[in-house]
Protein backbone atom coordinates (compact mmCIF):
# COMPACT_ATOMS: atom_id res chain seq x y z
CA MET A 1 0.00 0.00 0.00
CA GLU A 2 1.48 3.33 -1.07
CA THR A 3 1.65 6.03 1.59
CA ALA A 4 1.72 9.82 1.22
CA GLN A 5 5.36 9.70 2.29
CA SER A 6 6.31 7.40 -0.60
CA ARG A 7 4.54 9.60 -3.17
CA GLN A 8 6.67 12.64 -2.27
CA PRO A 9 9.52 13.33 -4.63
CA ALA A 10 12.95 12.52 -3.28
CA ALA A 11 14.69 15.40 -1.58
CA PRO A 12 17.61 16.71 -3.64
CA GLY A 13 21.14 16.44 -2.32
CA ALA A 14 22.79 19.39 -0.63
CA PHE A 15 24.67 20.54 -3.74
CA ILE A 16 21.60 20.45 -5.99
CA ALA A 17 19.46 22.10 -3.31
CA PHE A 18 22.05 24.85 -2.86
CA ALA A 19 22.24 25.44 -6.63
CA ARG A 20 18.44 25.69 -6.78
CA PHE A 21 18.44 27.93 -3.69
CA VAL A 22 20.94 30.28 -5.33
CA PHE A 23 18.95 30.31 -8.56
CA CYS A 24 15.54 30.89 -6.95
CA GLY A 25 16.55 32.86 -3.88
CA GLY A 26 19.29 34.72 -5.71
CA GLY A 27 16.95 35.64 -8.54
CA VAL A 28 14.32 36.90 -6.11
CA GLY A 29 17.04 38.67 -4.09
CA LEU A 30 18.49 40.36 -7.15
CA ALA A 31 15.06 41.55 -8.27
CA SER A 32 14.42 42.67 -4.69
CA SER A 33 17.56 44.79 -4.61
CA PHE A 34 16.34 46.75 -7.62
CA ALA A 35 12.84 46.96 -6.14
CA VAL A 36 14.26 48.35 -2.88
CA ALA A 37 16.29 50.92 -4.78
CA ALA A 38 13.25 51.98 -6.81
CA ALA A 39 10.90 52.09 -3.82
CA ALA A 40 13.47 54.00 -1.74
CA SER A 41 13.06 56.93 -4.11
CA TRP A 42 9.44 57.29 -2.89
CA ILE A 43 9.58 56.08 0.72
CA PRO A 44 12.31 55.75 3.39
CA TRP A 45 14.82 53.01 2.62
CA VAL A 46 14.06 51.01 5.79
CA LEU A 47 10.35 50.89 4.91
CA ALA A 48 11.10 50.03 1.28
CA ASN A 49 13.37 47.19 2.45
CA ALA A 50 10.67 45.92 4.84
CA VAL A 51 7.94 45.86 2.16
CA VAL A 52 10.17 44.25 -0.44
CA THR A 53 11.43 41.71 2.13
CA VAL A 54 7.88 40.61 2.99
CA VAL A 55 6.84 40.20 -0.66
CA SER A 56 10.08 38.51 -1.70
CA THR A 57 9.98 36.15 1.30
CA LEU A 58 6.49 34.95 0.38
CA LEU A 59 7.55 34.40 -3.23
CA ALA A 60 10.86 32.73 -2.34
CA THR A 61 9.24 30.43 0.24
CA GLU A 62 6.81 29.16 -2.40
CA LEU A 63 9.65 28.62 -4.89
CA HIS A 64 11.72 26.81 -2.28
CA ALA A 65 8.82 24.56 -1.26
CA ARG A 66 7.96 23.64 -4.84
CA PHE A 67 11.39 23.49 -6.44
CA THR A 68 14.46 24.01 -4.25
CA PHE A 69 13.94 21.48 -1.45
CA GLY A 70 11.68 19.02 -3.25
CA ALA A 71 8.72 19.37 -0.88
CA GLY A 72 6.49 18.73 -3.88
CA GLY A 73 3.80 21.32 -3.25
CA ARG A 74 2.83 24.62 -1.78
CA ALA A 75 4.47 25.86 1.38
CA THR A 76 2.47 25.40 4.57
CA TRP A 77 1.69 28.24 6.98
CA ARG A 78 4.27 26.79 9.38
CA GLN A 79 6.91 26.92 6.66
CA HIS A 80 5.97 30.50 5.78
CA VAL A 81 6.25 31.54 9.44
CA GLN A 82 9.60 29.80 9.91
CA SER A 83 10.89 31.23 6.66
CA ALA A 84 9.72 34.68 7.76
CA GLY A 85 11.76 34.28 10.95
CA SER A 86 14.91 33.63 8.96
CA ALA A 87 13.99 36.52 6.64
CA ALA A 88 13.65 38.81 9.66
CA VAL A 89 17.24 38.01 10.59
CA ALA A 90 18.31 38.64 6.98
CA TYR A 91 16.42 41.95 7.07
CA ALA A 92 18.31 42.95 10.23
CA VAL A 93 21.62 42.02 8.58
CA THR A 94 20.91 44.10 5.46
CA CYS A 95 19.70 47.06 7.54
CA ALA A 96 22.78 46.86 9.77
CA ALA A 97 25.05 46.72 6.72
CA MET A 98 23.40 49.82 5.25
CA VAL A 99 23.59 51.69 8.58
CA VAL A 100 27.30 50.85 8.85
CA LEU A 101 27.80 52.02 5.25
CA GLN A 102 26.06 55.32 6.04
CA GLN A 103 28.34 55.75 9.08
CA LEU A 104 31.49 55.02 7.11
CA VAL A 105 30.70 56.87 3.86
CA ALA A 106 28.96 60.27 3.99
CA ALA A 107 27.32 60.02 0.57
CA PRO A 108 27.68 56.51 -0.88
CA GLY A 109 26.80 56.09 -4.53
CA ALA A 110 24.15 53.74 -5.84
CA VAL A 111 26.74 51.19 -6.98
CA LEU A 112 28.38 51.04 -3.55
CA GLU A 113 24.98 50.75 -1.86
CA GLN A 114 24.09 47.86 -4.19
CA VAL A 115 27.41 46.11 -3.52
CA VAL A 116 26.97 46.41 0.25
CA TYR A 117 23.30 45.37 0.11
CA LEU A 118 23.95 42.38 -2.15
CA THR A 119 26.96 41.26 -0.08
CA ALA A 120 24.93 41.42 3.14
CA SER A 121 22.06 39.61 1.39
CA ALA A 122 24.42 36.88 0.15
CA LEU A 123 25.86 36.29 3.63
CA ALA A 124 22.38 36.22 5.15
CA GLY A 125 21.30 33.94 2.28
CA VAL A 126 23.85 31.27 3.19
CA GLY A 127 22.52 31.27 6.74
CA ARG A 128 18.95 31.09 5.44
CA PHE A 129 19.83 28.10 3.24
CA VAL A 130 21.05 26.16 6.25
CA VAL A 131 17.95 27.07 8.30
CA LEU A 132 15.54 26.30 5.45
CA ARG A 133 17.18 22.98 4.58
CA VAL A 134 17.72 21.72 8.13
CA VAL A 135 14.59 23.11 9.83
CA VAL A 136 11.90 24.55 7.58
CA PHE A 137 11.85 22.11 4.65
CA ALA A 138 13.39 19.09 6.35
CA ARG A 139 11.33 15.96 5.89
CA ASN A 140 8.99 15.53 8.83
CA ARG A 141 11.26 13.55 11.14
CA SER A 142 8.57 12.74 13.70
CA GLN A 143 6.25 11.38 11.02
CA THR A 144 9.11 9.41 9.48
CA ALA A 145 10.10 8.03 12.89
CA ALA A 146 6.50 6.98 13.55
CA THR A 147 6.34 5.27 10.16
CA VAL A 148 9.59 3.43 10.84
CA ARG A 149 8.37 2.34 14.29
CA ALA A 150 5.06 1.13 12.82
CA ALA A 151 6.84 -0.78 10.08
CA ARG A 152 8.95 -2.86 12.47
CA PRO A 153 7.89 -6.50 12.60
CA VAL A 154 5.95 -7.51 15.68
CA PRO A 155 7.30 -10.62 17.41
CA ALA A 156 4.98 -13.62 17.15
CA ALA A 157 4.65 -13.74 20.95
CA MET A 158 3.08 -10.28 20.83
CA ASN A 159 0.93 -10.86 17.77
CA ARG A 160 -2.77 -10.96 18.73
CA ALA A 161 -3.54 -13.38 15.94
CA SER A 162 -1.28 -16.05 17.40
CA VAL A 163 -2.70 -19.01 19.28
CA PRO A 164 -3.25 -18.28 22.98
CA ALA A 165 -0.65 -19.85 25.20
CA GLU A 166 -1.24 -22.08 28.17
CA PRO A 167 -1.81 -20.18 31.45
CA ALA A 168 1.46 -21.52 32.82
CA THR A 169 3.41 -19.99 29.92
CA LEU A 170 1.67 -16.62 30.30
CA CYS A 171 2.70 -16.25 33.94
CA HIS A 172 5.93 -17.84 35.06
CA ALA A 173 4.75 -17.80 38.68
CA ALA A 174 1.75 -20.03 37.85
């Protein structure tokens, strides 16, 4: 009998998952950097980064669930929340990098801002990959453990379908 677990596609190896993560997350991140720069011309940079981070996190989480980590379907609410937690840390890293840049350079140009932002995003991205692979999109270990425990053979002495034993064999004191 085929279970839901056996119908899931196999999880890709770490190298393939990382390549997909870079392609999907990097593509979304690159588009986000231009979106932040464009939005920052209308609203404060911190707010632009927050809005773009929320939208890009939702998009990237869906891409990672469907493609990067081989989950085989849409991301669950739990996965979105966990991914948002790692995105919040990435947001703090990019904000801190930009604040440090503003402290070090009085009037940084757009190219320097992009380099700093993308470097901070790349470093935060490596950390996010580890969190997403190990925690967020890891195969459900408790469900897998329960399946493995249920699949273990039951000794004949414990099998209910076996022939009842003599009373003396059931209780050694008898």
